[in-house]
Amino acid sequence: MLERELEIFRTVMTAGSATRAARLLGLSQSAVSQSLQRLEKRAGLALFHRAAGKLQPTREAAALLVEVQRHYVGLDLIEHRLRTLSQLGAGRVRIASFPGPGVAFLPRVLGELAAECEHGMVSLQIMGSQDVRDRVLRGEADFGLVSDDVSVSGLEHALFAHYFGVVALPAGHALANEAVITPRQIAAYPFISLNPDDAVSVRLDALCAQHGVRLRTVMECPYTISLCELVRNRVGIAIVNPITAYDYLHAGLVFRPFSARLDFSASSIRPAPHAPSQFIQALLAAMRSRLERDMRALRETMPGPAEHNHLHQFQKLSG
């Protein structure tokens, strides 16, 4: 009975009057009024002031509405999940990733696995690393990719890859003639940075301090794809992860090795303690294979011997 009374209360509050609520619910105005009175009696407090036939919600009613709305949001999520499960069955694989590998790299990999997706469905969601972690932790994703500045405690996790920053330049930039670019050279030009609290940005500041230089930062943003877009629009130069750099090889950007090693990394996470499905195992293998090919293609656009343009590593490096 309480469930129905709360539903009527919620409708009255959101509709703005008992008359409109009665019309929406297909009830008489008398039935709505009686339900509100029962709820007030159960609660032991007045939820409405009644004057000239109109209901004026009290502060207690407003506070109660907040809790009732939370309850209904939870029910809506459950209803959506049930609907999704009934439509898609157990063949659905839910993947969440931070933007670096999620925007273009994972779609390339999933394209290679299209035949394995014929009898199921893949959900690929792109969000910040913390949101990826939270989604996997809640069991709302089967597999996630996060950057190294997110805690993976409570989850099955493994390093996917370390990869090393490259300098992104607009076509025709003076530094495009260099085989390798140093921190001192970068400091001579307007620079576009990741947000100052980003772990990569902190590491870059430390590297520059070691070389006795300070970057001329003119703009900052949270994602490497935005760095590349800003470089493409000639706002400045940037250091970006090579996975995103590959996506911009044919977009008018030039990439050169950075003389200092600026680490990026991605870790795979899964809900504990579930073993990975065959599809997730195939996905990880395809990701490693695709990364090797993408990095080889990126290296081929850079001057100098390939061994001097080391861009990634699957094992954790020391030092």
C-alpha atoms as a PDB file:
ATOM      1  CA  MET A   1       0.000   0.000   0.000  1.00  0.00           C
ATOM      2  CA  LEU A   2       2.850   2.392   0.835  1.00  0.00           C
ATOM      3  CA  GLU A   3       4.267   1.948  -2.680  1.00  0.00           C
ATOM      4  CA  ARG A   4       1.012   3.192  -4.219  1.00  0.00           C
ATOM      5  CA  GLU A   5       0.755   6.114  -1.810  1.00  0.00           C
ATOM      6  CA  LEU A   6       4.315   7.170  -2.615  1.00  0.00           C
ATOM      7  CA  GLU A   7       3.558   6.942  -6.341  1.00  0.00           C
ATOM      8  CA  ILE A   8       0.536   9.247  -5.896  1.00  0.00           C
ATOM      9  CA  PHE A   9       2.578  11.627  -3.708  1.00  0.00           C
ATOM     10  CA  ARG A  10       5.337  11.769  -6.331  1.00  0.00           C
ATOM     11  CA  THR A  11       2.840  12.463  -9.108  1.00  0.00           C
ATOM     12  CA  VAL A  12       1.189  15.259  -7.121  1.00  0.00           C
ATOM     13  CA  MET A  13       4.562  16.861  -6.420  1.00  0.00           C
ATOM     14  CA  THR A  14       5.804  16.652 -10.009  1.00  0.00           C
ATOM     15  CA  ALA A  15       2.446  17.543 -11.610  1.00  0.00           C
ATOM     16  CA  GLY A  16       1.946  20.547  -9.328  1.00  0.00           C
ATOM     17  CA  SER A  17      -1.616  19.828  -8.210  1.00  0.00           C
ATOM     18  CA  ALA A  18      -3.901  17.025  -7.080  1.00  0.00           C
ATOM     19  CA  THR A  19      -6.204  17.706 -10.034  1.00  0.00           C
ATOM     20  CA  ARG A  20      -3.468  17.150 -12.635  1.00  0.00           C
ATOM     21  CA  ALA A  21      -2.125  14.155 -10.715  1.00  0.00           C
ATOM     22  CA  ALA A  22      -5.595  12.556 -10.645  1.00  0.00           C
ATOM     23  CA  ARG A  23      -5.897  13.031 -14.400  1.00  0.00           C
ATOM     24  CA  LEU A  24      -2.446  11.514 -15.036  1.00  0.00           C
ATOM     25  CA  LEU A  25      -3.143   8.531 -12.767  1.00  0.00           C
ATOM     26  CA  GLY A  26      -6.709   7.934 -13.946  1.00  0.00           C
ATOM     27  CA  LEU A  27      -8.086   8.460 -10.422  1.00  0.00           C
ATOM     28  CA  SER A  28     -10.661  10.711  -8.869  1.00  0.00           C
ATOM     29  CA  GLN A  29      -9.422  13.794  -7.056  1.00  0.00           C
ATOM     30  CA  SER A  30     -11.009  12.397  -3.896  1.00  0.00           C
ATOM     31  CA  ALA A  31      -8.954   9.190  -4.180  1.00  0.00           C
ATOM     32  CA  VAL A  32      -5.769  11.233  -4.536  1.00  0.00           C
ATOM     33  CA  SER A  33      -6.625  13.354  -1.488  1.00  0.00           C
ATOM     34  CA  GLN A  34      -7.414  10.295   0.625  1.00  0.00           C
ATOM     35  CA  SER A  35      -4.102   8.662  -0.379  1.00  0.00           C
ATOM     36  CA  LEU A  36      -2.164  11.776   0.656  1.00  0.00           C
ATOM     37  CA  GLN A  37      -3.962  11.855   3.997  1.00  0.00           C
ATOM     38  CA  ARG A  38      -3.065   8.194   4.623  1.00  0.00           C
ATOM     39  CA  LEU A  39       0.571   8.936   3.843  1.00  0.00           C
ATOM     40  CA  GLU A  40       0.586  11.913   6.210  1.00  0.00           C
ATOM     41  CA  LYS A  41      -0.964   9.791   8.958  1.00  0.00           C
ATOM     42  CA  ARG A  42       1.648   7.060   8.420  1.00  0.00           C
ATOM     43  CA  ALA A  43       4.441   9.634   8.490  1.00  0.00           C
ATOM     44  CA  GLY A  44       3.007  11.484  11.473  1.00  0.00           C
ATOM     45  CA  LEU A  45       3.549  14.898   9.899  1.00  0.00           C
ATOM     46  CA  ALA A  46       1.874  17.333   7.515  1.00  0.00           C
ATOM     47  CA  LEU A  47       3.138  17.122   3.942  1.00  0.00           C
ATOM     48  CA  PHE A  48       0.837  19.813   2.551  1.00  0.00           C
ATOM     49  CA  HIS A  49      -0.812  23.018   3.662  1.00  0.00           C
ATOM     50  CA  ARG A  50      -4.380  23.119   2.396  1.00  0.00           C
ATOM     51  CA  ALA A  51      -5.775  26.549   1.549  1.00  0.00           C
ATOM     52  CA  ALA A  52      -8.656  27.495  -0.765  1.00  0.00           C
ATOM     53  CA  GLY A  53      -8.750  23.987  -2.163  1.00  0.00           C
ATOM     54  CA  LYS A  54      -5.061  24.049  -3.146  1.00  0.00           C
ATOM     55  CA  LEU A  55      -2.153  21.985  -1.850  1.00  0.00           C
ATOM     56  CA  GLN A  56       1.042  23.749  -0.818  1.00  0.00           C
ATOM     57  CA  PRO A  57       3.924  21.300  -0.150  1.00  0.00           C
ATOM     58  CA  THR A  58       5.751  21.684   3.149  1.00  0.00           C
ATOM     59  CA  ARG A  59       9.528  21.522   3.562  1.00  0.00           C
ATOM     60  CA  GLU A  60       9.042  17.941   4.774  1.00  0.00           C
ATOM     61  CA  ALA A  61       7.287  17.095   1.508  1.00  0.00           C
ATOM     62  CA  ALA A  62      10.214  18.481  -0.493  1.00  0.00           C
ATOM     63  CA  ALA A  63      12.679  16.408   1.572  1.00  0.00           C
ATOM     64  CA  LEU A  64      10.553  13.288   1.139  1.00  0.00           C
ATOM     65  CA  LEU A  65      10.370  13.837  -2.625  1.00  0.00           C
ATOM     66  CA  VAL A  66      14.182  13.666  -2.867  1.00  0.00           C
ATOM     67  CA  GLU A  67      14.187  10.200  -1.288  1.00  0.00           C
ATOM     68  CA  VAL A  68      11.203   9.032  -3.334  1.00  0.00           C
ATOM     69  CA  GLN A  69      12.887  10.166  -6.581  1.00  0.00           C
ATOM     70  CA  ARG A  70      16.018   8.194  -5.678  1.00  0.00           C
ATOM     71  CA  HIS A  71      13.859   5.136  -5.103  1.00  0.00           C
ATOM     72  CA  TYR A  72      12.208   5.478  -8.503  1.00  0.00           C
ATOM     73  CA  VAL A  73      15.500   6.074 -10.285  1.00  0.00           C
ATOM     74  CA  GLY A  74      16.706   2.757  -8.845  1.00  0.00           C
ATOM     75  CA  LEU A  75      13.536   1.020 -10.022  1.00  0.00           C
ATOM     76  CA  ASP A  76      13.911   2.548 -13.482  1.00  0.00           C
ATOM     77  CA  LEU A  77      17.469   1.211 -13.699  1.00  0.00           C
ATOM     78  CA  ILE A  78      16.326  -2.267 -12.698  1.00  0.00           C
ATOM     79  CA  GLU A  79      13.504  -2.155 -15.234  1.00  0.00           C
ATOM     80  CA  HIS A  80      15.937  -1.058 -17.947  1.00  0.00           C
ATOM     81  CA  ARG A  81      18.357  -3.842 -17.029  1.00  0.00           C
ATOM     82  CA  LEU A  82      15.598  -6.474 -17.138  1.00  0.00           C
ATOM     83  CA  ARG A  83      14.422  -5.190 -20.501  1.00  0.00           C
ATOM     84  CA  THR A  84      17.980  -5.271 -21.858  1.00  0.00           C
ATOM     85  CA  LEU A  85      18.611  -8.801 -20.602  1.00  0.00           C
ATOM     86  CA  SER A  86      15.388 -10.090 -22.105  1.00  0.00           C
ATOM     87  CA  GLN A  87      16.214  -8.517 -25.468  1.00  0.00           C
ATOM     88  CA  LEU A  88      19.893  -9.431 -25.653  1.00  0.00           C
ATOM     89  CA  GLY A  89      20.257 -12.551 -23.543  1.00  0.00           C
ATOM     90  CA  ALA A  90      23.537 -13.714 -22.099  1.00  0.00           C
ATOM     91  CA  GLY A  91      25.515 -13.014 -25.294  1.00  0.00           C
ATOM     92  CA  ARG A  92      26.058  -9.359 -24.456  1.00  0.00           C
ATOM     93  CA  VAL A  93      29.595  -8.158 -23.676  1.00  0.00           C
ATOM     94  CA  ARG A  94      29.880  -4.797 -21.945  1.00  0.00           C
ATOM     95  CA  ILE A  95      33.156  -2.911 -22.477  1.00  0.00           C
ATOM     96  CA  ALA A  96      34.085   0.433 -20.925  1.00  0.00           C
ATOM     97  CA  SER A  97      37.233   2.389 -21.767  1.00  0.00           C
ATOM     98  CA  PHE A  98      38.880   5.730 -21.179  1.00  0.00           C
ATOM     99  CA  PRO A  99      39.096   7.802 -24.383  1.00  0.00           C
ATOM    100  CA  GLY A 100      42.765   7.164 -25.334  1.00  0.00           C
ATOM    101  CA  PRO A 101      42.238   3.597 -26.584  1.00  0.00           C
ATOM    102  CA  GLY A 102      38.446   3.753 -26.614  1.00  0.00           C
ATOM    103  CA  VAL A 103      37.692   6.296 -29.326  1.00  0.00           C
ATOM    104  CA  ALA A 104      39.342   4.638 -32.321  1.00  0.00           C
ATOM    105  CA  PHE A 105      41.722   1.839 -31.250  1.00  0.00           C
ATOM    106  CA  LEU A 106      39.079  -0.433 -29.705  1.00  0.00           C
ATOM    107  CA  PRO A 107      36.683   0.041 -32.657  1.00  0.00           C
ATOM    108  CA  ARG A 108      39.498  -1.098 -34.978  1.00  0.00           C
ATOM    109  CA  VAL A 109      40.065  -4.173 -32.814  1.00  0.00           C
ATOM    110  CA  LEU A 110      36.356  -4.952 -32.561  1.00  0.00           C
ATOM    111  CA  GLY A 111      36.086  -4.664 -36.327  1.00  0.00           C
ATOM    112  CA  GLU A 112      38.578  -7.517 -36.596  1.00  0.00           C
ATOM    113  CA  LEU A 113      36.436  -9.568 -34.188  1.00  0.00           C
ATOM    114  CA  ALA A 114      33.154  -8.843 -35.973  1.00  0.00           C
ATOM    115  CA  ALA A 115      32.647 -12.501 -36.884  1.00  0.00           C
ATOM    116  CA  GLU A 116      32.812 -13.458 -33.205  1.00  0.00           C
ATOM    117  CA  CYS A 117      30.112 -10.891 -32.373  1.00  0.00           C
ATOM    118  CA  GLU A 118      27.529 -12.318 -34.799  1.00  0.00           C
ATOM    119  CA  HIS A 119      25.570 -14.210 -32.137  1.00  0.00           C
ATOM    120  CA  GLY A 120      25.738 -11.588 -29.420  1.00  0.00           C
ATOM    121  CA  MET A 121      26.131  -7.886 -28.865  1.00  0.00           C
ATOM    122  CA  VAL A 122      28.997  -5.689 -27.730  1.00  0.00           C
ATOM    123  CA  SER A 123      28.358  -2.503 -25.782  1.00  0.00           C
ATOM    124  CA  LEU A 124      31.327  -0.115 -25.988  1.00  0.00           C
ATOM    125  CA  GLN A 125      31.096   2.906 -23.671  1.00  0.00           C
ATOM    126  CA  ILE A 126      33.694   5.690 -23.525  1.00  0.00           C
ATOM    127  CA  MET A 127      34.201   7.615 -20.266  1.00  0.00           C
ATOM    128  CA  GLY A 128      36.848   8.778 -17.824  1.00  0.00           C
ATOM    129  CA  SER A 129      38.992   6.141 -16.121  1.00  0.00           C
ATOM    130  CA  GLN A 130      37.378   6.645 -12.709  1.00  0.00           C
ATOM    131  CA  ASP A 131      33.931   6.093 -14.230  1.00  0.00           C
ATOM    132  CA  VAL A 132      35.218   2.959 -15.994  1.00  0.00           C
ATOM    133  CA  ARG A 133      36.489   1.610 -12.675  1.00  0.00           C
ATOM    134  CA  ASP A 134      33.205   2.365 -10.928  1.00  0.00           C
ATOM    135  CA  ARG A 135      31.187   0.712 -13.676  1.00  0.00           C
ATOM    136  CA  VAL A 136      33.270  -2.470 -13.589  1.00  0.00           C
ATOM    137  CA  LEU A 137      33.232  -2.502  -9.783  1.00  0.00           C
ATOM    138  CA  ARG A 138      29.426  -2.342  -9.813  1.00  0.00           C
ATOM    139  CA  GLY A 139      29.270  -5.224 -12.286  1.00  0.00           C
ATOM    140  CA  GLU A 140      27.910  -2.960 -15.030  1.00  0.00           C
ATOM    141  CA  ALA A 141      30.817  -3.757 -17.381  1.00  0.00           C
ATOM    142  CA  ASP A 142      32.555  -7.063 -18.100  1.00  0.00           C
ATOM    143  CA  PHE A 143      35.845  -5.522 -19.192  1.00  0.00           C
ATOM    144  CA  GLY A 144      37.433  -2.113 -18.804  1.00  0.00           C
ATOM    145  CA  LEU A 145      40.525  -0.155 -19.793  1.00  0.00           C
ATOM    146  CA  VAL A 146      41.819   2.501 -17.399  1.00  0.00           C
ATOM    147  CA  SER A 147      44.841   4.775 -17.186  1.00  0.00           C
ATOM    148  CA  ASP A 148      47.456   4.341 -14.489  1.00  0.00           C
ATOM    149  CA  ASP A 149      46.171   7.064 -12.157  1.00  0.00           C
ATOM    150  CA  VAL A 150      43.120   5.046 -11.067  1.00  0.00           C
ATOM    151  CA  SER A 151      43.003   2.551  -8.191  1.00  0.00           C
ATOM    152  CA  VAL A 152      42.275  -1.014  -9.323  1.00  0.00           C
ATOM    153  CA  SER A 153      41.854  -2.505  -5.853  1.00  0.00           C
ATOM    154  CA  GLY A 154      38.983  -4.959  -5.599  1.00  0.00           C
ATOM    155  CA  LEU A 155      39.207  -5.822  -9.294  1.00  0.00           C
ATOM    156  CA  GLU A 156      40.982  -8.396 -11.432  1.00  0.00           C
ATOM    157  CA  HIS A 157      43.561  -6.297 -13.262  1.00  0.00           C
ATOM    158  CA  ALA A 158      46.602  -6.553 -15.516  1.00  0.00           C
ATOM    159  CA  LEU A 159      48.816  -4.157 -17.422  1.00  0.00           C
ATOM    160  CA  PHE A 160      47.762  -3.979 -21.066  1.00  0.00           C
ATOM    161  CA  ALA A 161      50.641  -1.824 -22.257  1.00  0.00           C
ATOM    162  CA  HIS A 162      53.020   0.988 -21.484  1.00  0.00           C
ATOM    163  CA  TYR A 163      53.419   3.431 -24.340  1.00  0.00           C
ATOM    164  CA  PHE A 164      55.621   6.445 -24.662  1.00  0.00           C
ATOM    165  CA  GLY A 165      54.735  10.008 -25.615  1.00  0.00           C
ATOM    166  CA  VAL A 166      55.470  11.439 -29.037  1.00  0.00           C
ATOM    167  CA  VAL A 167      55.551  15.101 -30.038  1.00  0.00           C
ATOM    168  CA  ALA A 168      52.548  16.191 -32.115  1.00  0.00           C
ATOM    169  CA  LEU A 169      53.201  19.013 -34.589  1.00  0.00           C
ATOM    170  CA  PRO A 170      51.103  20.716 -37.248  1.00  0.00           C
ATOM    171  CA  ALA A 171      52.329  20.040 -40.783  1.00  0.00           C
ATOM    172  CA  GLY A 172      55.134  22.393 -41.801  1.00  0.00           C
ATOM    173  CA  HIS A 173      56.205  23.169 -38.230  1.00  0.00           C
ATOM    174  CA  ALA A 174      59.909  24.002 -37.806  1.00  0.00           C
ATOM    175  CA  LEU A 175      60.448  21.057 -35.427  1.00  0.00           C
ATOM    176  CA  ALA A 176      59.190  18.604 -38.071  1.00  0.00           C
ATOM    177  CA  ASN A 177      62.725  18.685 -39.519  1.00  0.00           C
ATOM    178  CA  GLU A 178      64.156  17.208 -36.306  1.00  0.00           C
ATOM    179  CA  ALA A 179      64.742  13.450 -35.898  1.00  0.00           C
ATOM    180  CA  VAL A 180      64.221  13.660 -32.109  1.00  0.00           C
ATOM    181  CA  ILE A 181      62.797  16.555 -30.109  1.00  0.00           C
ATOM    182  CA  THR A 182      64.086  17.587 -26.681  1.00  0.00           C
ATOM    183  CA  PRO A 183      62.304  19.307 -23.784  1.00  0.00           C
ATOM    184  CA  ARG A 184      64.330  22.477 -24.427  1.00  0.00           C
ATOM    185  CA  GLN A 185      63.126  22.588 -28.041  1.00  0.00           C
ATOM    186  CA  ILE A 186      59.502  22.094 -26.979  1.00  0.00           C
ATOM    187  CA  ALA A 187      59.781  24.911 -24.432  1.00  0.00           C
ATOM    188  CA  ALA A 188      60.461  27.379 -27.250  1.00  0.00           C
ATOM    189  CA  TYR A 189      56.925  27.027 -28.671  1.00  0.00           C
ATOM    190  CA  PRO A 190      53.337  27.423 -27.397  1.00  0.00           C
ATOM    191  CA  PHE A 191      52.390  24.153 -25.701  1.00  0.00           C
ATOM    192  CA  ILE A 192      49.063  22.396 -25.160  1.00  0.00           C
ATOM    193  CA  SER A 193      48.952  20.264 -22.025  1.00  0.00           C
ATOM    194  CA  LEU A 194      46.769  17.710 -20.347  1.00  0.00           C
ATOM    195  CA  ASN A 195      45.087  19.035 -17.198  1.00  0.00           C
ATOM    196  CA  PRO A 196      47.634  19.825 -14.458  1.00  0.00           C
ATOM    197  CA  ASP A 197      46.273  17.121 -12.129  1.00  0.00           C
ATOM    198  CA  ASP A 198      46.644  14.405 -14.778  1.00  0.00           C
ATOM    199  CA  ALA A 199      49.365  11.880 -13.836  1.00  0.00           C
ATOM    200  CA  VAL A 200      51.019  12.248 -17.263  1.00  0.00           C
ATOM    201  CA  SER A 201      51.054  16.032 -16.933  1.00  0.00           C
ATOM    202  CA  VAL A 202      52.689  15.746 -13.509  1.00  0.00           C
ATOM    203  CA  ARG A 203      55.357  13.426 -14.951  1.00  0.00           C
ATOM    204  CA  LEU A 204      56.005  15.822 -17.837  1.00  0.00           C
ATOM    205  CA  ASP A 205      56.470  18.762 -15.468  1.00  0.00           C
ATOM    206  CA  ALA A 206      59.002  16.702 -13.496  1.00  0.00           C
ATOM    207  CA  LEU A 207      60.893  15.796 -16.704  1.00  0.00           C
ATOM    208  CA  CYS A 208      61.046  19.423 -17.778  1.00  0.00           C
ATOM    209  CA  ALA A 209      62.280  20.459 -14.332  1.00  0.00           C
ATOM    210  CA  GLN A 210      65.095  17.896 -14.624  1.00  0.00           C
ATOM    211  CA  HIS A 211      66.109  19.533 -17.905  1.00  0.00           C
ATOM    212  CA  GLY A 212      65.863  23.016 -16.419  1.00  0.00           C
ATOM    213  CA  VAL A 213      63.059  24.202 -18.724  1.00  0.00           C
ATOM    214  CA  ARG A 214      59.530  25.460 -18.260  1.00  0.00           C
ATOM    215  CA  LEU A 215      56.840  24.853 -20.882  1.00  0.00           C
ATOM    216  CA  ARG A 216      54.915  27.762 -22.407  1.00  0.00           C
ATOM    217  CA  THR A 217      51.481  26.250 -21.804  1.00  0.00           C
ATOM    218  CA  VAL A 218      48.760  28.166 -23.644  1.00  0.00           C
ATOM    219  CA  MET A 219      45.882  25.703 -23.242  1.00  0.00           C
ATOM    220  CA  GLU A 220      45.026  22.553 -21.297  1.00  0.00           C
ATOM    221  CA  CYS A 221      42.355  19.873 -21.670  1.00  0.00           C
ATOM    222  CA  PRO A 222      41.607  16.411 -20.225  1.00  0.00           C
ATOM    223  CA  TYR A 223      41.983  14.102 -23.254  1.00  0.00           C
ATOM    224  CA  THR A 224      44.706  13.406 -25.813  1.00  0.00           C
ATOM    225  CA  ILE A 225      42.245  13.449 -28.690  1.00  0.00           C
ATOM    226  CA  SER A 226      41.542  17.103 -27.831  1.00  0.00           C
ATOM    227  CA  LEU A 227      45.295  17.788 -27.762  1.00  0.00           C
ATOM    228  CA  CYS A 228      45.563  16.457 -31.311  1.00  0.00           C
ATOM    229  CA  GLU A 229      42.613  18.532 -32.481  1.00  0.00           C
ATOM    230  CA  LEU A 230      44.149  21.668 -30.991  1.00  0.00           C
ATOM    231  CA  VAL A 231      47.488  20.911 -32.661  1.00  0.00           C
ATOM    232  CA  ARG A 232      45.647  20.325 -35.948  1.00  0.00           C
ATOM    233  CA  ASN A 233      44.152  23.796 -35.548  1.00  0.00           C
ATOM    234  CA  ARG A 234      47.624  25.241 -34.906  1.00  0.00           C
ATOM    235  CA  VAL A 235      47.015  26.371 -31.334  1.00  0.00           C
ATOM    236  CA  GLY A 236      50.360  24.921 -30.300  1.00  0.00           C
ATOM    237  CA  ILE A 237      52.308  21.659 -30.055  1.00  0.00           C
ATOM    238  CA  ALA A 238      51.747  18.774 -27.626  1.00  0.00           C
ATOM    239  CA  ILE A 239      53.059  15.450 -26.385  1.00  0.00           C
ATOM    240  CA  VAL A 240      50.495  12.717 -26.934  1.00  0.00           C
ATOM    241  CA  ASN A 241      50.204   8.989 -26.484  1.00  0.00           C
ATOM    242  CA  PRO A 242      51.089   7.052 -29.653  1.00  0.00           C
ATOM    243  CA  ILE A 243      47.737   5.192 -29.754  1.00  0.00           C
ATOM    244  CA  THR A 244      45.965   8.489 -30.371  1.00  0.00           C
ATOM    245  CA  ALA A 245      48.819   9.693 -32.603  1.00  0.00           C
ATOM    246  CA  TYR A 246      48.160   6.776 -34.970  1.00  0.00           C
ATOM    247  CA  ASP A 247      44.544   7.966 -35.320  1.00  0.00           C
ATOM    248  CA  TYR A 248      45.845  11.311 -36.634  1.00  0.00           C
ATOM    249  CA  LEU A 249      48.457  10.089 -39.103  1.00  0.00           C
ATOM    250  CA  HIS A 250      46.314  11.166 -42.028  1.00  0.00           C
ATOM    251  CA  ALA A 251      44.841  14.289 -40.448  1.00  0.00           C
ATOM    252  CA  GLY A 252      47.637  16.739 -41.228  1.00  0.00           C
ATOM    253  CA  LEU A 253      49.717  16.106 -38.110  1.00  0.00           C
ATOM    254  CA  VAL A 254      53.406  15.170 -37.902  1.00  0.00           C
ATOM    255  CA  PHE A 255      54.786  13.080 -35.042  1.00  0.00           C
ATOM    256  CA  ARG A 256      58.352  12.929 -33.805  1.00  0.00           C
ATOM    257  CA  PRO A 257      60.051  10.969 -30.976  1.00  0.00           C
ATOM    258  CA  PHE A 258      60.499  12.741 -27.637  1.00  0.00           C
ATOM    259  CA  SER A 259      64.033  12.495 -26.281  1.00  0.00           C
ATOM    260  CA  ALA A 260      62.787  11.919 -22.715  1.00  0.00           C
ATOM    261  CA  ARG A 261      60.578   8.932 -21.889  1.00  0.00           C
ATOM    262  CA  LEU A 262      57.106  10.143 -20.950  1.00  0.00           C
ATOM    263  CA  ASP A 263      55.081   7.126 -19.833  1.00  0.00           C
ATOM    264  CA  PHE A 264      51.438   6.500 -20.585  1.00  0.00           C
ATOM    265  CA  SER A 265      49.793   3.200 -19.708  1.00  0.00           C
ATOM    266  CA  ALA A 266      46.548   1.276 -19.891  1.00  0.00           C
ATOM    267  CA  SER A 267      45.418  -1.528 -17.604  1.00  0.00           C
ATOM    268  CA  SER A 268      42.632  -4.003 -18.210  1.00  0.00           C
ATOM    269  CA  ILE A 269      40.169  -4.565 -15.375  1.00  0.00           C
ATOM    270  CA  ARG A 270      37.406  -7.112 -14.767  1.00  0.00           C
ATOM    271  CA  PRO A 271      34.993  -7.820 -11.930  1.00  0.00           C
ATOM    272  CA  ALA A 272      36.599 -10.142  -9.383  1.00  0.00           C
ATOM    273  CA  PRO A 273      36.720 -13.117  -9.202  1.00  0.00           C
ATOM    274  CA  HIS A 274      35.162 -13.997 -12.572  1.00  0.00           C
ATOM    275  CA  ALA A 275      37.346 -15.722 -15.171  1.00  0.00           C
ATOM    276  CA  PRO A 276      37.502 -13.934 -18.554  1.00  0.00           C
ATOM    277  CA  SER A 277      35.155 -15.230 -21.226  1.00  0.00           C
ATOM    278  CA  GLN A 278      36.503 -16.610 -24.486  1.00  0.00           C
ATOM    279  CA  PHE A 279      35.522 -13.358 -26.173  1.00  0.00           C
ATOM    280  CA  ILE A 280      37.470 -11.233 -23.659  1.00  0.00           C
ATOM    281  CA  GLN A 281      40.520 -13.466 -24.110  1.00  0.00           C
ATOM    282  CA  ALA A 282      40.228 -13.077 -27.894  1.00  0.00           C
ATOM    283  CA  LEU A 283      39.782  -9.323 -27.458  1.00  0.00           C
ATOM    284  CA  LEU A 284      43.001  -8.976 -25.429  1.00  0.00           C
ATOM    285  CA  ALA A 285      44.983 -11.004 -27.971  1.00  0.00           C
ATOM    286  CA  ALA A 286      43.587  -8.901 -30.823  1.00  0.00           C
ATOM    287  CA  MET A 287      44.397  -5.701 -28.910  1.00  0.00           C
ATOM    288  CA  ARG A 288      48.049  -6.699 -28.531  1.00  0.00           C
ATOM    289  CA  SER A 289      48.321  -7.660 -32.185  1.00  0.00           C
ATOM    290  CA  ARG A 290      46.664  -4.453 -33.349  1.00  0.00           C
ATOM    291  CA  LEU A 291      48.842  -2.289 -31.101  1.00  0.00           C
ATOM    292  CA  GLU A 292      51.983  -3.875 -32.572  1.00  0.00           C
ATOM    293  CA  ARG A 293      50.798  -3.091 -36.106  1.00  0.00           C
ATOM    294  CA  ASP A 294      49.683   0.453 -35.300  1.00  0.00           C
ATOM    295  CA  MET A 295      52.952   1.298 -33.581  1.00  0.00           C
ATOM    296  CA  ARG A 296      54.942  -0.144 -36.483  1.00  0.00           C
ATOM    297  CA  ALA A 297      52.989   2.069 -38.902  1.00  0.00           C
ATOM    298  CA  LEU A 298      53.568   5.128 -36.714  1.00  0.00           C
ATOM    299  CA  ARG A 299      57.310   4.406 -36.427  1.00  0.00           C
ATOM    300  CA  GLU A 300      57.589   4.228 -40.223  1.00  0.00           C
ATOM    301  CA  THR A 301      56.530   7.882 -40.472  1.00  0.00           C
ATOM    302  CA  MET A 302      59.394   8.982 -38.222  1.00  0.00           C
ATOM    303  CA  PRO A 303      62.984   9.594 -39.324  1.00  0.00           C
ATOM    304  CA  GLY A 304      65.841   7.534 -37.925  1.00  0.00           C
ATOM    305  CA  PRO A 305      66.255   3.819 -37.133  1.00  0.00           C
ATOM    306  CA  ALA A 306      63.170   2.023 -35.786  1.00  0.00           C
ATOM    307  CA  GLU A 307      65.021   0.939 -32.650  1.00  0.00           C
ATOM    308  CA  HIS A 308      65.375   4.626 -31.700  1.00  0.00           C
ATOM    309  CA  ASN A 309      61.626   5.139 -31.983  1.00  0.00           C
ATOM    310  CA  HIS A 310      60.491   2.697 -29.303  1.00  0.00           C
ATOM    311  CA  LEU A 311      56.803   3.445 -28.705  1.00  0.00           C
ATOM    312  CA  HIS A 312      55.348   0.708 -26.518  1.00  0.00           C
ATOM    313  CA  GLN A 313      56.068  -2.153 -24.150  1.00  0.00           C
ATOM    314  CA  PHE A 314      53.751  -4.909 -22.923  1.00  0.00           C
ATOM    315  CA  GLN A 315      55.741  -5.575 -19.751  1.00  0.00           C
ATOM    316  CA  LYS A 316      56.305  -3.111 -16.932  1.00  0.00           C
ATOM    317  CA  LEU A 317      59.620  -1.358 -17.292  1.00  0.00           C
ATOM    318  CA  SER A 318      61.885  -0.341 -14.437  1.00  0.00           C
ATOM    319  CA  GLY A 319      63.436   3.054 -14.186  1.00  0.00           C
END
